[in-house]
Amino acid sequence: MYLDKILGSTTKVNALSVLISNSSRVYLENELARESGASVSEVNRQMGELVSTGLVLMQRVGKAKVYHINTKHFLYSPMKKLFRDLQDVYREIALKMASNLKKHNPRAVILFGSLARGKIRSDLVKEPSDIDILVVAAEEQNVEEIRTEMLRYINSELSLRYGITIYPIVLSVEEYLKGLKYDQLIIDVHAKGEVLYGEKPTRFG
């Protein structure tokens, strides 16, 4: 089937997401593999069918293969809308989570991972990407209360409607600050995470 040539594997969908999101750029095969989260050999094996549809164009530069999206293809516009809309939907979900937590007055609600970096891989073959949220409770006694509320809201309002996985992490301010010293996840969240509510605690403020 024609669509199977385009959406028939995780690698194809992730590669299309990269190419469509960066339509003015050309990618060497190893660059596309890295951005798509696949091996070079897998990209090499899968891209032939995408090229055969005309949606992806391939050129040879010496021994290297270079790929870019064909913006004139009739499927380019609907595919671009699909990938863009999924990014918007994920962000809408994250903002709903933050809004629902305002009543608990957390110190911070921080979005991290692929959504915060603007690099959601819309894996339509297996399952959508996850949404990673870290909440810093203003008071230690609120940690369990916030965690319970988040799980209730996820299970009753979000999971059934959107069919995605949300991984909430709830910490006290003390746990967060301690994590800044030795926990690589917390260090990365602090450095690269997007604040949806409140502000990131610091050791000096």
N, C-alpha and C. Protein backbone atom coordinates (compact mmCIF):
# COMPACT_ATOMS: atom_id res chain seq x y z
N MET A 1 0.84 -1.20 0.00
CA MET A 1 0.00 0.00 0.00
C MET A 1 0.88 1.25 0.00
N TYR A 2 0.35 2.31 -0.61
CA TYR A 2 1.12 3.56 -0.75
C TYR A 2 1.47 4.14 0.62
N LEU A 3 0.47 4.21 1.52
CA LEU A 3 0.72 4.81 2.83
C LEU A 3 1.68 3.97 3.66
N ASP A 4 1.69 2.67 3.42
CA ASP A 4 2.62 1.82 4.15
C ASP A 4 4.07 2.18 3.79
N LYS A 5 4.28 2.61 2.56
CA LYS A 5 5.62 3.03 2.16
C LYS A 5 6.06 4.28 2.93
N ILE A 6 5.08 5.08 3.36
CA ILE A 6 5.38 6.34 4.04
C ILE A 6 5.36 6.19 5.56
N LEU A 7 4.36 5.48 6.09
CA LEU A 7 4.17 5.41 7.53
C LEU A 7 4.32 4.00 8.07
N GLY A 8 5.00 3.14 7.33
CA GLY A 8 5.03 1.73 7.68
C GLY A 8 6.05 1.31 8.72
N SER A 9 6.79 2.23 9.30
CA SER A 9 7.75 1.87 10.35
C SER A 9 8.05 3.08 11.22
N THR A 10 8.55 2.78 12.40
CA THR A 10 8.94 3.85 13.33
C THR A 10 10.02 4.74 12.72
N THR A 11 10.99 4.12 12.08
CA THR A 11 12.10 4.89 11.49
C THR A 11 11.60 5.85 10.43
N LYS A 12 10.67 5.40 9.57
CA LYS A 12 10.14 6.28 8.53
C LYS A 12 9.41 7.47 9.14
N VAL A 13 8.56 7.21 10.12
CA VAL A 13 7.79 8.30 10.73
C VAL A 13 8.70 9.30 11.42
N ASN A 14 9.69 8.79 12.17
CA ASN A 14 10.60 9.70 12.87
C ASN A 14 11.47 10.48 11.89
N ALA A 15 11.89 9.83 10.82
CA ALA A 15 12.69 10.53 9.80
C ALA A 15 11.86 11.61 9.12
N LEU A 16 10.60 11.30 8.81
CA LEU A 16 9.71 12.30 8.21
C LEU A 16 9.50 13.47 9.15
N SER A 17 9.35 13.18 10.44
CA SER A 17 9.16 14.25 11.42
C SER A 17 10.34 15.21 11.40
N VAL A 18 11.55 14.66 11.33
CA VAL A 18 12.76 15.48 11.28
C VAL A 18 12.81 16.29 10.00
N LEU A 19 12.59 15.64 8.86
CA LEU A 19 12.70 16.31 7.57
C LEU A 19 11.63 17.37 7.38
N ILE A 20 10.40 17.07 7.79
CA ILE A 20 9.30 18.02 7.61
C ILE A 20 9.45 19.21 8.54
N SER A 21 9.95 18.96 9.75
CA SER A 21 10.13 20.05 10.71
C SER A 21 11.29 20.97 10.33
N ASN A 22 12.14 20.50 9.44
CA ASN A 22 13.30 21.29 8.99
C ASN A 22 13.34 21.25 7.46
N SER A 23 12.28 21.76 6.84
CA SER A 23 12.07 21.57 5.41
C SER A 23 13.12 22.26 4.52
N SER A 24 13.82 23.24 5.06
CA SER A 24 14.81 23.95 4.24
C SER A 24 16.21 23.34 4.36
N ARG A 25 16.32 22.32 5.18
CA ARG A 25 17.63 21.74 5.47
C ARG A 25 17.81 20.41 4.74
N VAL A 26 19.05 20.09 4.39
CA VAL A 26 19.39 18.77 3.85
C VAL A 26 20.16 18.01 4.92
N TYR A 27 20.00 16.69 4.94
CA TYR A 27 20.61 15.86 5.97
C TYR A 27 21.47 14.77 5.35
N LEU A 28 22.70 14.68 5.79
CA LEU A 28 23.50 13.50 5.50
C LEU A 28 22.85 12.31 6.19
N GLU A 29 23.09 11.13 5.68
CA GLU A 29 22.43 9.94 6.23
C GLU A 29 22.71 9.75 7.72
N ASN A 30 23.95 9.98 8.13
CA ASN A 30 24.28 9.81 9.55
C ASN A 30 23.62 10.89 10.42
N GLU A 31 23.45 12.09 9.87
CA GLU A 31 22.77 13.16 10.61
C GLU A 31 21.29 12.82 10.78
N LEU A 32 20.67 12.33 9.73
CA LEU A 32 19.26 11.96 9.80
C LEU A 32 19.06 10.80 10.77
N ALA A 33 19.98 9.86 10.78
CA ALA A 33 19.90 8.74 11.71
C ALA A 33 19.97 9.23 13.15
N ARG A 34 20.90 10.13 13.42
CA ARG A 34 21.05 10.66 14.77
C ARG A 34 19.80 11.40 15.22
N GLU A 35 19.26 12.26 14.37
CA GLU A 35 18.08 13.04 14.72
C GLU A 35 16.83 12.16 14.83
N SER A 36 16.81 11.06 14.11
CA SER A 36 15.64 10.17 14.11
C SER A 36 15.71 9.11 15.20
N GLY A 37 16.85 9.00 15.85
CA GLY A 37 16.99 7.99 16.89
C GLY A 37 17.11 6.58 16.33
N ALA A 38 17.69 6.46 15.15
CA ALA A 38 17.84 5.15 14.50
C ALA A 38 19.29 4.96 14.08
N SER A 39 19.64 3.72 13.76
CA SER A 39 20.99 3.45 13.28
C SER A 39 21.11 3.89 11.82
N VAL A 40 22.33 4.13 11.39
CA VAL A 40 22.57 4.53 10.00
C VAL A 40 22.12 3.42 9.05
N SER A 41 22.39 2.18 9.43
CA SER A 41 21.99 1.06 8.56
C SER A 41 20.48 0.97 8.42
N GLU A 42 19.75 1.26 9.52
CA GLU A 42 18.29 1.20 9.46
C GLU A 42 17.73 2.33 8.59
N VAL A 43 18.29 3.52 8.72
CA VAL A 43 17.87 4.64 7.87
C VAL A 43 18.15 4.32 6.41
N ASN A 44 19.32 3.78 6.16
CA ASN A 44 19.68 3.41 4.79
C ASN A 44 18.69 2.40 4.21
N ARG A 45 18.25 1.46 5.04
CA ARG A 45 17.33 0.42 4.58
C ARG A 45 15.92 0.95 4.36
N GLN A 46 15.49 1.88 5.22
CA GLN A 46 14.10 2.34 5.20
C GLN A 46 13.84 3.49 4.23
N MET A 47 14.84 4.31 3.98
CA MET A 47 14.59 5.54 3.22
C MET A 47 14.30 5.30 1.74
N GLY A 48 14.69 4.15 1.23
CA GLY A 48 14.44 3.87 -0.18
C GLY A 48 12.98 3.96 -0.57
N GLU A 49 12.09 3.43 0.29
CA GLU A 49 10.66 3.48 -0.02
C GLU A 49 10.13 4.91 0.05
N LEU A 50 10.62 5.70 1.00
CA LEU A 50 10.19 7.10 1.07
C LEU A 50 10.63 7.86 -0.17
N VAL A 51 11.84 7.58 -0.61
CA VAL A 51 12.34 8.22 -1.82
C VAL A 51 11.52 7.79 -3.03
N SER A 52 11.10 6.52 -3.05
CA SER A 52 10.33 6.02 -4.20
C SER A 52 8.96 6.69 -4.32
N THR A 53 8.42 7.22 -3.22
CA THR A 53 7.13 7.92 -3.28
C THR A 53 7.29 9.35 -3.78
N GLY A 54 8.51 9.87 -3.74
CA GLY A 54 8.75 11.26 -4.15
C GLY A 54 8.61 12.26 -3.02
N LEU A 55 8.14 11.80 -1.85
CA LEU A 55 7.98 12.72 -0.72
C LEU A 55 9.34 13.14 -0.16
N VAL A 56 10.29 12.24 -0.23
CA VAL A 56 11.67 12.54 0.19
C VAL A 56 12.57 12.47 -1.04
N LEU A 57 13.43 13.45 -1.17
CA LEU A 57 14.38 13.50 -2.28
C LEU A 57 15.77 13.12 -1.78
N MET A 58 16.49 12.37 -2.59
CA MET A 58 17.83 11.92 -2.22
C MET A 58 18.82 12.28 -3.31
N GLN A 59 19.95 12.80 -2.90
CA GLN A 59 21.04 13.09 -3.83
C GLN A 59 22.31 12.43 -3.32
N ARG A 60 23.20 12.15 -4.22
CA ARG A 60 24.51 11.61 -3.82
C ARG A 60 25.56 12.71 -3.91
N VAL A 61 26.29 12.85 -2.85
CA VAL A 61 27.41 13.79 -2.82
C VAL A 61 28.66 12.95 -2.56
N GLY A 62 29.37 12.64 -3.63
CA GLY A 62 30.45 11.68 -3.50
C GLY A 62 29.86 10.32 -3.19
N LYS A 63 30.31 9.71 -2.09
CA LYS A 63 29.77 8.43 -1.66
C LYS A 63 28.62 8.59 -0.68
N ALA A 64 28.38 9.80 -0.24
CA ALA A 64 27.36 10.04 0.79
C ALA A 64 25.98 10.27 0.16
N LYS A 65 24.95 9.89 0.92
CA LYS A 65 23.57 10.16 0.54
C LYS A 65 23.06 11.36 1.33
N VAL A 66 22.39 12.27 0.65
CA VAL A 66 21.83 13.46 1.29
C VAL A 66 20.32 13.48 1.04
N TYR A 67 19.56 13.71 2.12
CA TYR A 67 18.10 13.67 2.02
C TYR A 67 17.49 15.03 2.35
N HIS A 68 16.38 15.35 1.70
CA HIS A 68 15.57 16.49 2.10
C HIS A 68 14.13 16.25 1.67
N ILE A 69 13.22 16.96 2.31
CA ILE A 69 11.79 16.77 2.04
C ILE A 69 11.41 17.48 0.74
N ASN A 70 10.49 16.90 0.02
CA ASN A 70 9.99 17.50 -1.22
C ASN A 70 8.76 18.35 -0.88
N THR A 71 8.95 19.65 -0.76
CA THR A 71 7.86 20.54 -0.34
C THR A 71 6.78 20.70 -1.41
N LYS A 72 7.03 20.21 -2.62
CA LYS A 72 6.03 20.31 -3.68
C LYS A 72 5.14 19.06 -3.76
N HIS A 73 5.48 18.05 -2.99
CA HIS A 73 4.70 16.80 -3.00
C HIS A 73 3.31 17.05 -2.41
N PHE A 74 2.30 16.38 -2.94
CA PHE A 74 0.93 16.63 -2.49
C PHE A 74 0.69 16.23 -1.04
N LEU A 75 1.53 15.36 -0.48
CA LEU A 75 1.37 14.96 0.91
C LEU A 75 2.15 15.84 1.89
N TYR A 76 2.97 16.75 1.37
CA TYR A 76 3.80 17.56 2.26
C TYR A 76 2.95 18.41 3.20
N SER A 77 1.97 19.13 2.68
CA SER A 77 1.15 20.03 3.51
C SER A 77 0.37 19.28 4.58
N PRO A 78 -0.37 18.20 4.24
CA PRO A 78 -1.09 17.49 5.30
C PRO A 78 -0.17 16.84 6.32
N MET A 79 0.99 16.34 5.88
CA MET A 79 1.92 15.75 6.83
C MET A 79 2.51 16.81 7.76
N LYS A 80 2.81 17.98 7.21
CA LYS A 80 3.34 19.07 8.02
C LYS A 80 2.32 19.48 9.07
N LYS A 81 1.06 19.56 8.68
CA LYS A 81 0.00 19.93 9.62
C LYS A 81 -0.13 18.87 10.71
N LEU A 82 -0.03 17.62 10.34
CA LEU A 82 -0.14 16.53 11.31
C LEU A 82 0.94 16.63 12.37
N PHE A 83 2.18 16.76 11.95
CA PHE A 83 3.28 16.82 12.91
C PHE A 83 3.22 18.09 13.75
N ARG A 84 2.85 19.22 13.14
CA ARG A 84 2.75 20.46 13.90
C ARG A 84 1.62 20.38 14.92
N ASP A 85 0.48 19.84 14.51
CA ASP A 85 -0.66 19.77 15.41
C ASP A 85 -0.38 18.86 16.60
N LEU A 86 0.35 17.77 16.39
CA LEU A 86 0.68 16.90 17.50
C LEU A 86 1.56 17.61 18.52
N GLN A 87 2.50 18.41 18.04
CA GLN A 87 3.34 19.20 18.94
C GLN A 87 2.47 20.14 19.76
N ASP A 88 1.49 20.78 19.11
CA ASP A 88 0.60 21.70 19.80
C ASP A 88 -0.26 20.98 20.83
N VAL A 89 -0.74 19.80 20.48
CA VAL A 89 -1.58 19.02 21.40
C VAL A 89 -0.79 18.64 22.64
N TYR A 90 0.44 18.20 22.46
CA TYR A 90 1.26 17.81 23.60
C TYR A 90 1.50 19.01 24.53
N ARG A 91 1.76 20.15 23.93
CA ARG A 91 1.98 21.35 24.75
C ARG A 91 0.70 21.74 25.49
N GLU A 92 -0.42 21.60 24.83
CA GLU A 92 -1.71 21.89 25.46
C GLU A 92 -1.92 21.01 26.68
N ILE A 93 -1.56 19.73 26.57
CA ILE A 93 -1.70 18.80 27.69
C ILE A 93 -0.80 19.22 28.85
N ALA A 94 0.44 19.57 28.55
CA ALA A 94 1.38 19.99 29.59
C ALA A 94 0.87 21.23 30.31
N LEU A 95 0.32 22.17 29.56
CA LEU A 95 -0.20 23.40 30.17
C LEU A 95 -1.44 23.11 31.01
N LYS A 96 -2.25 22.14 30.59
CA LYS A 96 -3.41 21.74 31.40
C LYS A 96 -2.96 21.17 32.73
N MET A 97 -1.91 20.37 32.69
CA MET A 97 -1.37 19.80 33.92
C MET A 97 -0.92 20.91 34.87
N ALA A 98 -0.19 21.88 34.33
CA ALA A 98 0.31 22.97 35.16
C ALA A 98 -0.84 23.78 35.73
N SER A 99 -1.84 24.06 34.92
CA SER A 99 -2.99 24.84 35.37
C SER A 99 -3.75 24.11 36.48
N ASN A 100 -3.87 22.80 36.35
CA ASN A 100 -4.60 22.02 37.35
C ASN A 100 -3.89 22.02 38.70
N LEU A 101 -2.58 22.24 38.68
CA LEU A 101 -1.80 22.20 39.92
C LEU A 101 -1.70 23.55 40.62
N LYS A 102 -2.18 24.60 39.99
CA LYS A 102 -2.05 25.93 40.59
C LYS A 102 -2.70 26.02 41.96
N LYS A 103 -3.78 25.26 42.16
CA LYS A 103 -4.48 25.30 43.44
C LYS A 103 -3.61 24.79 44.59
N HIS A 104 -2.56 24.03 44.26
CA HIS A 104 -1.64 23.53 45.28
C HIS A 104 -0.45 24.46 45.48
N ASN A 105 -0.40 25.52 44.68
CA ASN A 105 0.66 26.53 44.76
C ASN A 105 2.06 25.91 44.83
N PRO A 106 2.42 25.10 43.82
CA PRO A 106 3.76 24.50 43.83
C PRO A 106 4.84 25.55 43.60
N ARG A 107 6.04 25.22 44.01
CA ARG A 107 7.17 26.13 43.79
C ARG A 107 7.47 26.23 42.29
N ALA A 108 7.36 25.09 41.59
CA ALA A 108 7.62 25.10 40.15
C ALA A 108 7.00 23.89 39.48
N VAL A 109 6.55 24.09 38.25
CA VAL A 109 6.15 22.99 37.37
C VAL A 109 7.04 23.11 36.14
N ILE A 110 7.85 22.08 35.90
CA ILE A 110 8.88 22.16 34.86
C ILE A 110 8.68 21.06 33.82
N LEU A 111 8.64 21.48 32.57
CA LEU A 111 8.53 20.55 31.45
C LEU A 111 9.94 20.23 30.97
N PHE A 112 10.24 18.95 30.78
CA PHE A 112 11.56 18.58 30.27
C PHE A 112 11.42 17.47 29.24
N GLY A 113 12.53 17.03 28.69
CA GLY A 113 12.48 15.99 27.68
C GLY A 113 12.25 16.54 26.28
N SER A 114 11.76 15.67 25.39
CA SER A 114 11.66 16.02 23.96
C SER A 114 10.69 17.16 23.70
N LEU A 115 9.60 17.25 24.46
CA LEU A 115 8.63 18.33 24.23
C LEU A 115 9.23 19.68 24.57
N ALA A 116 9.95 19.76 25.68
CA ALA A 116 10.58 21.03 26.06
C ALA A 116 11.61 21.46 25.03
N ARG A 117 12.26 20.49 24.39
CA ARG A 117 13.26 20.81 23.37
C ARG A 117 12.64 21.07 22.01
N GLY A 118 11.31 20.88 21.91
CA GLY A 118 10.64 21.06 20.62
C GLY A 118 10.96 19.97 19.64
N LYS A 119 11.27 18.78 20.15
CA LYS A 119 11.66 17.67 19.28
C LYS A 119 10.83 16.43 19.57
N ILE A 120 9.53 16.62 19.69
CA ILE A 120 8.64 15.46 19.85
C ILE A 120 8.77 14.57 18.63
N ARG A 121 9.01 13.30 18.87
CA ARG A 121 8.98 12.34 17.77
C ARG A 121 7.60 11.70 17.77
N SER A 122 6.82 11.98 16.77
CA SER A 122 5.45 11.50 16.72
C SER A 122 5.42 10.07 16.19
N ASP A 123 5.69 9.15 17.08
CA ASP A 123 5.76 7.75 16.69
C ASP A 123 4.35 7.19 16.56
N LEU A 124 3.75 7.38 15.39
CA LEU A 124 2.38 6.96 15.16
C LEU A 124 2.27 5.45 14.96
N VAL A 125 3.38 4.78 14.78
CA VAL A 125 3.32 3.34 14.54
C VAL A 125 3.12 2.58 15.84
N LYS A 126 3.85 2.95 16.88
CA LYS A 126 3.78 2.21 18.13
C LYS A 126 2.96 2.97 19.17
N GLU A 127 3.41 4.13 19.53
CA GLU A 127 2.69 4.95 20.51
C GLU A 127 3.26 6.35 20.48
N PRO A 128 2.48 7.35 20.95
CA PRO A 128 3.00 8.71 20.95
C PRO A 128 4.14 8.87 21.95
N SER A 129 4.85 9.95 21.83
CA SER A 129 5.93 10.25 22.77
C SER A 129 5.35 10.50 24.15
N ASP A 130 6.22 10.46 25.14
CA ASP A 130 5.81 10.73 26.51
C ASP A 130 5.92 12.22 26.81
N ILE A 131 5.24 12.63 27.88
CA ILE A 131 5.37 13.99 28.37
C ILE A 131 6.01 13.91 29.75
N ASP A 132 7.11 14.59 29.93
CA ASP A 132 7.86 14.54 31.18
C ASP A 132 7.69 15.85 31.94
N ILE A 133 7.15 15.74 33.15
CA ILE A 133 6.90 16.93 33.98
C ILE A 133 7.46 16.69 35.37
N LEU A 134 8.16 17.69 35.88
CA LEU A 134 8.66 17.65 37.25
C LEU A 134 8.01 18.78 38.04
N VAL A 135 7.48 18.43 39.21
CA VAL A 135 6.83 19.42 40.07
C VAL A 135 7.63 19.54 41.36
N VAL A 136 7.92 20.75 41.75
CA VAL A 136 8.58 21.01 43.03
C VAL A 136 7.53 21.57 43.98
N ALA A 137 7.21 20.80 45.03
CA ALA A 137 6.21 21.23 46.00
C ALA A 137 6.79 22.31 46.90
N ALA A 138 5.97 23.30 47.22
CA ALA A 138 6.44 24.40 48.07
C ALA A 138 6.74 23.91 49.48
N GLU A 139 5.94 22.95 49.95
CA GLU A 139 6.11 22.39 51.29
C GLU A 139 6.26 20.88 51.18
N GLU A 140 7.12 20.31 52.02
CA GLU A 140 7.38 18.87 51.93
C GLU A 140 6.12 18.05 52.14
N GLN A 141 5.22 18.51 53.01
CA GLN A 141 4.00 17.75 53.29
C GLN A 141 3.03 17.74 52.11
N ASN A 142 3.29 18.60 51.11
CA ASN A 142 2.41 18.64 49.94
C ASN A 142 2.83 17.68 48.83
N VAL A 143 3.97 17.04 48.99
CA VAL A 143 4.49 16.17 47.92
C VAL A 143 3.51 15.06 47.58
N GLU A 144 3.07 14.32 48.59
CA GLU A 144 2.17 13.19 48.34
C GLU A 144 0.81 13.67 47.85
N GLU A 145 0.35 14.79 48.38
CA GLU A 145 -0.93 15.36 47.96
C GLU A 145 -0.90 15.73 46.47
N ILE A 146 0.18 16.36 46.05
CA ILE A 146 0.31 16.76 44.64
C ILE A 146 0.45 15.52 43.75
N ARG A 147 1.23 14.54 44.20
CA ARG A 147 1.41 13.33 43.40
C ARG A 147 0.07 12.61 43.20
N THR A 148 -0.72 12.52 44.26
CA THR A 148 -2.03 11.86 44.17
C THR A 148 -2.95 12.61 43.23
N GLU A 149 -2.94 13.93 43.32
CA GLU A 149 -3.80 14.75 42.46
C GLU A 149 -3.38 14.62 40.99
N MET A 150 -2.08 14.59 40.74
CA MET A 150 -1.61 14.46 39.36
C MET A 150 -2.03 13.12 38.76
N LEU A 151 -1.86 12.05 39.51
CA LEU A 151 -2.24 10.73 39.01
C LEU A 151 -3.74 10.64 38.77
N ARG A 152 -4.52 11.24 39.66
CA ARG A 152 -5.97 11.25 39.47
C ARG A 152 -6.33 11.99 38.20
N TYR A 153 -5.73 13.15 38.00
CA TYR A 153 -6.04 13.97 36.83
C TYR A 153 -5.59 13.28 35.54
N ILE A 154 -4.43 12.68 35.58
CA ILE A 154 -3.92 11.97 34.40
C ILE A 154 -4.85 10.82 34.02
N ASN A 155 -5.23 10.02 35.02
CA ASN A 155 -6.05 8.84 34.75
C ASN A 155 -7.47 9.18 34.36
N SER A 156 -8.03 10.24 34.95
CA SER A 156 -9.44 10.55 34.70
C SER A 156 -9.65 11.51 33.54
N GLU A 157 -8.67 12.36 33.25
CA GLU A 157 -8.88 13.41 32.26
C GLU A 157 -8.00 13.29 31.00
N LEU A 158 -6.81 12.75 31.15
CA LEU A 158 -5.85 12.85 30.05
C LEU A 158 -5.57 11.54 29.31
N SER A 159 -5.33 10.47 30.06
CA SER A 159 -4.91 9.23 29.42
C SER A 159 -5.92 8.69 28.43
N LEU A 160 -7.19 8.66 28.83
CA LEU A 160 -8.22 8.12 27.94
C LEU A 160 -8.44 9.01 26.73
N ARG A 161 -8.37 10.32 26.93
CA ARG A 161 -8.65 11.25 25.84
C ARG A 161 -7.51 11.30 24.83
N TYR A 162 -6.28 11.33 25.32
CA TYR A 162 -5.15 11.54 24.41
C TYR A 162 -4.34 10.27 24.15
N GLY A 163 -4.49 9.26 25.00
CA GLY A 163 -3.78 8.01 24.78
C GLY A 163 -2.28 8.11 24.86
N ILE A 164 -1.78 9.00 25.70
CA ILE A 164 -0.33 9.16 25.83
C ILE A 164 0.08 8.91 27.28
N THR A 165 1.36 8.75 27.48
CA THR A 165 1.89 8.49 28.81
C THR A 165 2.51 9.76 29.38
N ILE A 166 2.18 10.05 30.63
CA ILE A 166 2.75 11.22 31.31
C ILE A 166 3.48 10.73 32.55
N TYR A 167 4.73 11.13 32.69
CA TYR A 167 5.54 10.70 33.82
C TYR A 167 5.78 11.88 34.77
N PRO A 168 4.94 12.03 35.79
CA PRO A 168 5.15 13.13 36.73
C PRO A 168 6.16 12.76 37.81
N ILE A 169 7.05 13.66 38.09
CA ILE A 169 7.98 13.52 39.21
C ILE A 169 7.67 14.65 40.18
N VAL A 170 7.44 14.31 41.43
CA VAL A 170 7.12 15.32 42.44
C VAL A 170 8.18 15.28 43.53
N LEU A 171 8.81 16.41 43.77
CA LEU A 171 9.88 16.51 44.76
C LEU A 171 9.62 17.69 45.69
N SER A 172 10.19 17.60 46.87
CA SER A 172 10.21 18.77 47.75
C SER A 172 11.34 19.68 47.30
N VAL A 173 11.32 20.92 47.79
CA VAL A 173 12.40 21.86 47.45
C VAL A 173 13.75 21.29 47.89
N GLU A 174 13.76 20.70 49.08
CA GLU A 174 15.00 20.13 49.61
C GLU A 174 15.52 19.01 48.71
N GLU A 175 14.63 18.14 48.26
CA GLU A 175 15.04 17.04 47.37
C GLU A 175 15.57 17.57 46.05
N TYR A 176 14.91 18.60 45.53
CA TYR A 176 15.34 19.20 44.26
C TYR A 176 16.74 19.80 44.40
N LEU A 177 16.95 20.56 45.45
CA LEU A 177 18.25 21.21 45.64
C LEU A 177 19.35 20.18 45.89
N LYS A 178 19.02 19.13 46.62
CA LYS A 178 19.99 18.06 46.84
C LYS A 178 20.34 17.38 45.51
N GLY A 179 19.32 17.21 44.67
CA GLY A 179 19.53 16.59 43.37
C GLY A 179 20.43 17.41 42.47
N LEU A 180 20.44 18.72 42.66
CA LEU A 180 21.30 19.59 41.84
C LEU A 180 22.78 19.30 42.07
N LYS A 181 23.10 18.61 43.15
CA LYS A 181 24.49 18.32 43.47
C LYS A 181 24.98 17.02 42.84
N TYR A 182 24.06 16.05 42.66
CA TYR A 182 24.55 14.73 42.23
C TYR A 182 23.64 14.00 41.25
N ASP A 183 22.40 14.42 41.10
CA ASP A 183 21.45 13.70 40.24
C ASP A 183 21.44 14.31 38.84
N GLN A 184 21.90 13.54 37.85
CA GLN A 184 22.04 14.08 36.50
C GLN A 184 20.70 14.49 35.91
N LEU A 185 19.63 13.76 36.24
CA LEU A 185 18.31 14.12 35.73
C LEU A 185 17.91 15.51 36.22
N ILE A 186 18.06 15.74 37.52
CA ILE A 186 17.69 17.04 38.09
C ILE A 186 18.58 18.15 37.52
N ILE A 187 19.84 17.85 37.36
CA ILE A 187 20.77 18.83 36.78
C ILE A 187 20.33 19.21 35.38
N ASP A 188 19.95 18.22 34.58
CA ASP A 188 19.49 18.48 33.20
C ASP A 188 18.17 19.25 33.19
N VAL A 189 17.25 18.86 34.07
CA VAL A 189 15.96 19.55 34.16
C VAL A 189 16.18 21.01 34.52
N HIS A 190 17.07 21.25 35.47
CA HIS A 190 17.34 22.62 35.91
C HIS A 190 17.97 23.44 34.79
N ALA A 191 18.84 22.81 34.02
CA ALA A 191 19.56 23.54 32.96
C ALA A 191 18.71 23.75 31.72
N LYS A 192 17.89 22.75 31.36
CA LYS A 192 17.22 22.79 30.06
C LYS A 192 15.69 22.78 30.13
N GLY A 193 15.13 22.51 31.30
CA GLY A 193 13.68 22.41 31.42
C GLY A 193 12.97 23.74 31.24
N GLU A 194 11.73 23.67 30.77
CA GLU A 194 10.91 24.87 30.55
C GLU A 194 9.94 25.04 31.71
N VAL A 195 9.98 26.18 32.37
CA VAL A 195 9.09 26.44 33.50
C VAL A 195 7.69 26.78 32.99
N LEU A 196 6.71 25.98 33.40
CA LEU A 196 5.32 26.23 33.04
C LEU A 196 4.60 27.02 34.12
N TYR A 197 5.13 26.94 35.34
CA TYR A 197 4.52 27.66 36.47
C TYR A 197 5.58 27.85 37.54
N GLY A 198 5.57 29.01 38.20
CA GLY A 198 6.50 29.27 39.28
C GLY A 198 7.90 29.54 38.78
N GLU A 199 8.89 29.14 39.58
CA GLU A 199 10.29 29.33 39.19
C GLU A 199 11.14 28.21 39.79
N LYS A 200 12.23 27.92 39.11
CA LYS A 200 13.11 26.84 39.57
C LYS A 200 13.82 27.25 40.86
N PRO A 201 13.80 26.38 41.86
CA PRO A 201 14.56 26.69 43.08
C PRO A 201 16.05 26.73 42.78
N THR A 202 16.75 27.57 43.50
CA THR A 202 18.21 27.62 43.36
C THR A 202 18.83 27.52 44.74
N ARG A 203 20.07 27.10 44.77
CA ARG A 203 20.76 26.94 46.06
C ARG A 203 21.08 28.28 46.70
N PHE A 204 20.95 29.34 45.90
CA PHE A 204 21.34 30.65 46.42
C PHE A 204 20.15 31.59 46.58
N GLY A 205 18.92 31.06 46.44
CA GLY A 205 17.77 31.94 46.53
C GLY A 205 16.56 31.26 47.05
